[in-house]
Protein backbone atom coordinates (compact mmCIF):
# COMPACT_ATOMS: atom_id res chain seq x y z
CA MET A 1 0.09 0.01 0.01
CA GLU A 2 1.22 3.44 -1.01
CA ARG A 3 1.97 5.97 1.72
CA THR A 4 -0.07 9.16 1.45
CA THR A 5 1.74 12.34 1.91
CA THR A 6 -0.14 15.17 3.36
CA ARG A 7 0.94 18.64 4.21
CA PRO A 8 -0.65 21.50 6.24
CA TRP A 9 -3.40 23.58 4.50
CA ASP A 10 -3.60 27.15 5.43
CA PRO A 11 -6.53 29.21 4.08
CA ALA A 12 -4.32 32.47 4.23
CA ASP A 13 -2.23 31.04 1.37
CA HIS A 14 -5.41 30.96 -0.84
CA LEU A 15 -6.62 34.62 0.00
CA THR A 16 -5.36 36.46 -2.96
CA SER A 17 -7.99 39.51 -3.22
CA THR A 18 -10.10 41.50 -1.27
CA GLU A 19 -13.11 39.80 -2.89
CA ASP A 20 -11.66 36.34 -1.34
CA ALA A 21 -11.31 37.97 1.96
CA VAL A 22 -14.94 39.52 1.85
CA ALA A 23 -16.58 36.39 0.84
CA TYR A 24 -14.81 34.26 3.20
CA LEU A 25 -15.54 36.60 6.07
CA ASP A 26 -19.16 37.04 5.07
CA ALA A 27 -19.63 33.08 5.09
CA ALA A 28 -18.26 32.99 8.51
CA LEU A 29 -20.53 35.60 9.72
CA GLU A 30 -23.35 34.05 8.04
CA ALA A 31 -22.58 30.65 9.94
CA GLY A 32 -22.90 32.65 13.23
CA GLU A 33 -19.98 30.86 15.27
CA PRO A 34 -18.01 33.39 17.12
CA GLN A 35 -14.89 31.26 17.27
CA LEU A 36 -15.02 30.60 13.42
CA VAL A 37 -15.28 34.52 12.68
CA ALA A 38 -12.33 34.96 15.09
CA ALA A 39 -10.32 32.30 13.22
CA VAL A 40 -11.49 33.58 9.84
CA LEU A 41 -10.46 37.04 10.67
CA GLY A 42 -7.22 35.66 11.66
CA ASP A 43 -6.59 33.96 8.54
CA ILE A 44 -7.46 37.30 6.44
CA ALA A 45 -5.03 39.17 8.63
CA ARG A 46 -2.28 36.60 8.30
CA ALA A 47 -2.76 36.70 4.43
CA ALA A 48 -2.69 40.52 4.61
CA GLY A 49 0.61 40.44 6.84
CA MET A 50 -0.18 40.34 10.62
CA THR A 51 2.80 42.81 11.27
CA GLU A 52 1.16 45.36 9.12
CA ILE A 53 -2.40 44.69 10.44
CA ALA A 54 -0.89 45.06 13.90
CA ALA A 55 0.75 48.25 13.30
CA ALA A 56 -2.18 49.78 11.28
CA SER A 57 -4.66 48.75 14.27
CA GLY A 58 -2.32 49.95 16.92
CA LEU A 59 -2.61 46.34 18.39
CA GLY A 60 0.22 43.95 19.27
CA ARG A 61 1.09 41.17 16.98
CA GLU A 62 1.29 38.42 19.43
CA SER A 63 -2.02 39.21 20.89
CA LEU A 64 -3.73 39.30 17.61
CA TYR A 65 -2.38 35.80 16.68
CA LYS A 66 -3.86 34.85 20.03
CA SER A 67 -7.19 36.48 19.69
CA LEU A 68 -7.88 35.82 15.95
CA SER A 69 -7.53 32.08 16.61
CA ILE A 70 -10.07 29.27 16.62
CA ASN A 71 -9.67 29.41 20.61
CA GLY A 72 -9.48 33.26 20.71
CA ASN A 73 -12.19 35.70 21.96
CA PRO A 74 -11.50 39.07 20.65
CA GLY A 75 -13.49 41.89 21.88
CA LEU A 76 -15.75 44.06 19.59
CA THR A 77 -12.92 46.80 19.52
CA THR A 78 -10.27 44.48 18.38
CA VAL A 79 -12.59 43.04 15.65
CA LEU A 80 -13.29 46.57 14.59
CA LYS A 81 -9.81 47.89 14.59
CA VAL A 82 -8.65 44.76 12.43
CA ILE A 83 -11.31 45.24 9.99
CA GLU A 84 -10.55 48.81 9.59
CA ALA A 85 -6.95 47.99 9.24
CA LEU A 86 -7.84 45.67 6.51
CA GLY A 87 -9.66 48.20 4.61
CA LEU A 88 -12.97 46.60 5.10
CA ARG A 89 -16.19 47.71 6.76
CA LEU A 90 -18.97 45.78 8.34
CA ARG A 91 -22.63 46.44 7.16
CA VAL A 92 -25.67 45.42 8.49
CA SER A 93 -28.89 44.34 6.61
CA PRO A 94 -32.16 42.36 7.55
CA ALA A 95 -31.98 38.85 7.82
CA ALA A 96 -33.67 36.79 5.08
CA GLY A 97 -37.17 35.96 5.91
CA ILE A 98 -37.43 38.39 8.82
CA SER A 99 -40.14 40.95 8.27
CA ALA A 100 -40.11 42.83 11.58
CA ALA A 101 -37.69 43.37 14.63
CA PRO A 102 -38.30 41.53 17.92
CA ALA A 103 -41.59 42.40 19.28
CA GLY A 104 -42.27 44.36 16.29
CA LYS A 105 -40.79 47.61 17.89
CA LEU A 106 -38.94 48.66 14.78
CA ARG A 107 -40.54 48.92 11.31
């Protein structure tokens, strides 16, 4: 039987455009899993250059690696600073199939 050779797969190696990063982060946000969103944001930051993102965001590089991992738990301030440093922005839109806000307070 032949031995199979494997090598680690790193999503950061495949993020080559802003469109790739936006689609990847959008899919993670849609999944609704905070740990996944943190890890995906970390992948995007690594693809862009973590040192550059740390400098642009005013955050420590090592702390970014830690908080933007699958086991990380970045605060909203960190997330927003990293998104801004990446040249991205978050937008909010109504969820599909939702016609009114909770308890109908917003219209």
